[in-house]
Protein backbone atom coordinates (compact mmCIF):
# COMPACT_ATOMS: atom_id res chain seq x y z
CA MET A 1 -237.99 -316.60 -49.21
CA VAL A 2 -234.45 -317.04 -47.91
CA CYS A 3 -231.50 -316.32 -50.19
CA GLU A 4 -228.33 -318.18 -49.45
CA ILE A 5 -225.19 -316.13 -50.02
CA THR A 6 -222.11 -318.06 -51.06
CA SER A 7 -218.94 -316.88 -49.45
CA PRO A 8 -215.96 -316.15 -51.73
CA VAL A 9 -213.70 -319.09 -52.41
CA ARG A 10 -210.05 -318.62 -51.52
CA VAL A 11 -207.69 -320.15 -54.05
CA SER A 12 -203.92 -319.87 -53.90
CA ASP A 13 -202.09 -317.94 -56.57
CA ALA A 14 -200.22 -321.03 -57.71
CA ALA A 15 -203.50 -322.94 -58.17
CA LEU A 16 -205.04 -320.04 -60.11
CA HIS A 17 -202.01 -319.83 -62.36
CA ALA A 18 -201.99 -323.55 -63.02
CA ARG A 19 -205.67 -323.64 -63.93
CA PHE A 20 -205.39 -320.58 -66.15
CA LEU A 21 -202.52 -322.17 -68.07
CA LYS A 22 -204.90 -324.95 -69.05
CA LEU A 23 -207.28 -322.40 -70.51
CA LEU A 24 -204.64 -320.11 -72.07
CA PRO A 25 -204.07 -322.07 -75.34
CA ARG A 26 -207.79 -322.07 -76.02
CA VAL A 27 -207.95 -318.31 -75.49
CA GLN A 28 -205.03 -317.67 -77.84
CA VAL A 29 -206.38 -319.93 -80.58
CA HIS A 30 -209.79 -318.27 -80.35
CA GLY A 31 -208.12 -314.86 -80.57
CA ARG A 32 -206.12 -315.79 -83.66
CA ILE A 33 -209.28 -316.99 -85.38
CA PHE A 34 -211.41 -314.07 -84.26
CA PHE A 35 -208.90 -311.37 -85.26
CA ARG A 36 -207.61 -313.07 -88.41
CA HIS A 37 -209.15 -310.27 -90.52
CA LEU A 38 -206.64 -307.73 -89.18
CA LYS A 39 -203.93 -307.28 -91.79
CA CYS A 40 -201.43 -305.63 -89.48
CA ARG A 41 -199.59 -308.32 -87.53
CA GLU A 42 -198.74 -306.00 -84.64
CA THR A 43 -202.36 -304.90 -84.25
CA ARG A 44 -203.54 -308.50 -84.35
CA GLU A 45 -201.02 -309.60 -81.71
CA GLU A 46 -201.93 -306.62 -79.54
CA CYS A 47 -205.62 -307.56 -79.64
CA ILE A 48 -204.78 -311.14 -78.67
CA ALA A 49 -202.61 -309.89 -75.80
CA GLU A 50 -205.45 -307.68 -74.54
CA MET A 51 -207.79 -310.63 -74.82
CA VAL A 52 -205.46 -312.77 -72.68
CA ALA A 53 -205.17 -309.97 -70.11
CA LEU A 54 -208.94 -309.60 -69.84
CA ALA A 55 -209.33 -313.38 -69.67
CA TRP A 56 -206.92 -313.52 -66.72
CA ARG A 57 -208.81 -310.80 -64.83
CA TRP A 58 -212.16 -312.45 -65.44
CA PHE A 59 -210.72 -315.87 -64.61
CA VAL A 60 -209.53 -314.72 -61.19
CA ARG A 61 -212.88 -313.08 -60.37
CA LEU A 62 -214.89 -316.11 -61.45
CA MET A 63 -212.67 -318.51 -59.51
CA GLN A 64 -213.05 -316.38 -56.39
CA ARG A 65 -216.83 -316.67 -56.80
CA GLY A 66 -216.62 -320.44 -57.10
CA LYS A 67 -216.99 -320.71 -60.90
CA ASP A 68 -214.42 -322.43 -63.07
CA PRO A 69 -214.23 -320.94 -66.62
CA ASN A 70 -212.80 -324.24 -67.87
CA THR A 71 -216.34 -325.62 -67.74
CA PHE A 72 -217.55 -323.06 -70.32
CA ARG A 73 -214.43 -322.36 -72.35
CA PHE A 74 -216.09 -321.40 -75.63
CA ASN A 75 -218.39 -318.72 -74.20
CA PHE A 76 -215.60 -317.42 -71.97
CA CYS A 77 -213.24 -316.94 -74.94
CA ARG A 78 -216.05 -315.58 -77.10
CA PHE A 79 -216.99 -312.85 -74.61
CA ALA A 80 -213.33 -311.89 -74.15
CA ALA A 81 -212.87 -311.53 -77.93
CA PHE A 82 -216.00 -309.42 -78.33
CA ALA A 83 -214.95 -307.22 -75.41
CA VAL A 84 -211.62 -306.42 -77.08
CA LYS A 85 -213.33 -305.81 -80.41
CA SER A 86 -215.71 -303.30 -78.80
CA GLY A 87 -212.77 -301.32 -77.39
CA ARG A 88 -212.43 -302.88 -73.94
CA ARG A 89 -208.89 -302.94 -72.58
CA LEU A 90 -207.35 -304.17 -69.35
CA CYS A 91 -206.51 -300.72 -68.00
CA ARG A 92 -208.89 -298.51 -69.95
CA MET A 93 -211.61 -298.24 -72.56
CA GLU A 94 -210.87 -296.85 -76.00
CA ARG A 95 -212.15 -293.31 -76.37
CA PRO A 96 -215.10 -292.95 -78.75
CA ASN A 97 -213.90 -289.48 -79.85
CA ASP A 98 -210.32 -290.50 -80.68
CA VAL A 99 -210.08 -290.70 -84.48
CA LEU A 100 -207.18 -293.16 -84.25
CA SER A 101 -209.06 -295.69 -82.10
CA ASP A 102 -210.74 -298.67 -83.74
CA ARG A 103 -213.83 -298.08 -81.62
CA ALA A 104 -214.38 -294.55 -82.94
CA GLN A 105 -213.82 -295.65 -86.56
CA ARG A 106 -216.21 -298.58 -86.18
CA GLU A 107 -218.99 -296.67 -84.41
CA ARG A 108 -218.83 -293.59 -86.63
CA GLY A 109 -218.27 -295.40 -89.91
CA PHE A 110 -214.95 -293.97 -91.08
CA LYS A 111 -211.42 -295.24 -91.59
CA VAL A 112 -208.05 -293.60 -91.09
CA GLU A 113 -205.61 -294.27 -93.92
CA SER A 114 -202.29 -292.90 -95.06
CA LEU A 115 -202.20 -290.13 -97.63
CA PRO A 116 -202.29 -291.37 -101.24
CA VAL A 117 -199.01 -289.64 -102.01
CA SER A 118 -196.14 -289.44 -99.57
CA SER A 119 -193.67 -286.61 -99.36
CA ARG A 120 -191.03 -289.34 -99.37
CA THR A 121 -191.23 -290.38 -103.01
CA ALA A 122 -188.99 -293.05 -104.45
CA HIS A 123 -186.49 -291.98 -107.09
CA GLU A 124 -188.13 -294.09 -109.82
CA ASN A 125 -191.56 -292.63 -109.09
CA LEU A 126 -190.21 -289.09 -108.99
CA TYR A 127 -188.22 -289.05 -112.22
CA ALA A 128 -189.42 -292.04 -114.27
CA LYS A 129 -193.05 -290.90 -114.17
CA VAL A 130 -194.22 -288.17 -116.54
CA HIS A 131 -194.66 -284.91 -114.59
CA GLY A 132 -193.57 -286.77 -111.45
CA GLN A 133 -191.52 -283.88 -110.08
CA ARG A 134 -194.27 -281.34 -110.81
CA GLU A 135 -196.91 -283.44 -109.07
CA HIS A 136 -194.61 -283.96 -106.11
CA ASP A 137 -193.93 -280.23 -105.77
CA ALA A 138 -197.62 -279.40 -106.05
CA TYR A 139 -198.45 -281.95 -103.37
CA GLU A 140 -195.88 -280.57 -100.94
CA GLU A 141 -197.11 -277.04 -101.63
CA ARG A 142 -200.63 -278.02 -100.56
CA LEU A 143 -199.31 -279.44 -97.29
CA LYS A 144 -197.95 -276.05 -96.25
CA ASP A 145 -200.06 -273.66 -94.21
CA ASN A 146 -201.28 -270.58 -96.01
CA THR A 147 -199.58 -267.68 -94.23
CA VAL A 148 -200.29 -265.13 -96.96
CA SER A 149 -204.08 -264.84 -97.11
CA PRO A 150 -205.84 -263.48 -94.00
CA ILE A 151 -207.93 -265.99 -92.04
CA PRO A 152 -211.29 -264.30 -92.87
CA ASP A 153 -210.48 -264.47 -96.60
CA GLN A 154 -209.58 -268.15 -96.30
CA VAL A 155 -212.85 -268.92 -94.52
CA ALA A 156 -214.89 -266.93 -97.05
CA PHE A 157 -213.19 -268.71 -99.95
CA ARG A 158 -213.84 -272.18 -98.51
CA LEU A 159 -217.51 -271.31 -98.07
CA ASP A 160 -218.06 -269.50 -101.39
CA PHE A 161 -216.00 -271.64 -103.76
CA PRO A 162 -218.16 -274.82 -103.48
CA GLN A 163 -221.29 -272.73 -104.00
CA TRP A 164 -219.77 -271.05 -107.03
CA LEU A 165 -218.86 -274.42 -108.55
CA LEU A 166 -222.53 -275.43 -108.40
CA THR A 167 -223.39 -272.60 -110.80
CA TRP A 168 -221.50 -274.46 -113.57
CA ASP A 169 -222.32 -277.73 -115.24
CA GLN A 170 -220.42 -280.93 -114.52
CA ARG A 171 -217.94 -280.58 -117.39
CA ASN A 172 -216.96 -277.04 -116.43
CA ARG A 173 -216.60 -278.08 -112.80
CA ARG A 174 -214.12 -280.75 -113.84
CA ILE A 175 -212.15 -278.22 -115.89
CA ILE A 176 -212.08 -275.76 -112.97
CA LYS A 177 -210.82 -278.44 -110.58
CA ASP A 178 -208.12 -279.48 -113.04
CA MET A 179 -207.05 -275.86 -113.41
CA ALA A 180 -206.87 -275.56 -109.63
CA GLN A 181 -204.41 -278.48 -109.68
CA ASP A 182 -202.06 -276.53 -111.96
CA GLU A 183 -202.84 -278.55 -115.09
CA ARG A 184 -201.23 -277.10 -118.21
CA THR A 185 -203.35 -275.50 -120.92
CA LEU A 186 -202.18 -277.98 -123.56
CA ASP A 187 -202.95 -280.96 -121.32
CA LEU A 188 -206.43 -279.62 -120.57
CA ALA A 189 -207.10 -279.04 -124.25
CA GLN A 190 -206.18 -282.63 -125.10
CA LYS A 191 -208.17 -283.99 -122.18
CA TYR A 192 -211.40 -282.14 -123.01
CA GLY A 193 -211.12 -282.19 -126.80
CA CYS A 194 -210.74 -278.49 -127.54
CA CYS A 195 -208.02 -276.10 -128.62
CA PRO A 196 -205.62 -274.46 -126.14
CA ALA A 197 -207.03 -271.03 -127.04
CA ARG A 198 -210.45 -272.15 -125.80
CA ILE A 199 -208.95 -273.25 -122.49
CA SER A 200 -207.33 -269.84 -122.11
CA GLN A 201 -210.69 -268.18 -122.84
CA LYS A 202 -212.32 -270.34 -120.20
CA ARG A 203 -209.74 -269.26 -117.65
CA THR A 204 -210.74 -265.66 -118.28
CA GLU A 205 -214.45 -266.54 -118.16
CA TYR A 206 -214.04 -268.35 -114.85
CA LYS A 207 -212.06 -265.44 -113.42
CA HIS A 208 -214.67 -262.83 -114.36
CA ASP A 209 -217.54 -265.01 -113.20
CA TRP A 210 -215.84 -265.60 -109.87
CA GLU A 211 -215.40 -261.85 -109.43
CA ARG A 212 -219.09 -261.30 -110.18
CA PHE A 213 -220.04 -264.06 -107.76
CA CYS A 214 -217.99 -262.50 -104.97
CA GLY A 215 -219.19 -259.01 -105.79
CA ASP A 216 -215.63 -257.72 -105.75
CA THR A 217 -213.52 -256.78 -108.73
CA GLU A 218 -210.25 -256.21 -106.89
CA PRO A 219 -207.48 -258.30 -108.44
CA ALA A 220 -206.16 -259.49 -105.08
CA VAL A 221 -209.55 -260.85 -104.03
CA ALA A 222 -210.16 -262.42 -107.43
CA ALA A 223 -206.79 -264.16 -107.34
CA ALA A 224 -207.65 -265.69 -103.95
């Protein structure tokens, strides 16, 4: 069996450019339809631009091999769109371990979003909202690194605290989490339908039980 090898076809740059311009509107329209689900306009335009860049590279290679993509426009545009969606770029491939890349978020099933509360809070949200300033201060406090507690104590607390919560029922777990968010005693009493004195008793109960769970009665460790 004899295989006939086709020699590469030499096409001038001007001819390649002219033929690609005929295909370019179809590529752009297909990209706008394919990436219409992207809410961010800049991200959508960037994907279309990458799609055009890939289309140009593939167009040149196919023309050099004697194949004109204008004869199969739909499949050509379709493969270019899917390549960009899967993370293919003209100069590189999106890294699968980069949390900010669409490829990593799609393959690993997570999404990167902005924090629910920003440190830049509008004046009306800060002062018109009840406890707005207190919530803002508490949020900023949690963004700061803990430079007081030693690293081993921080690690032990993050491991032990979830296990300790499981020793309480669901209602008590909710109360403990609200207390950890600096909720006032009166607010907790109204929220859970009991008197403020009972909330204060529960604080003491939680404190003693936490000390027993840790096996350490030192005040500094209990306060951690």
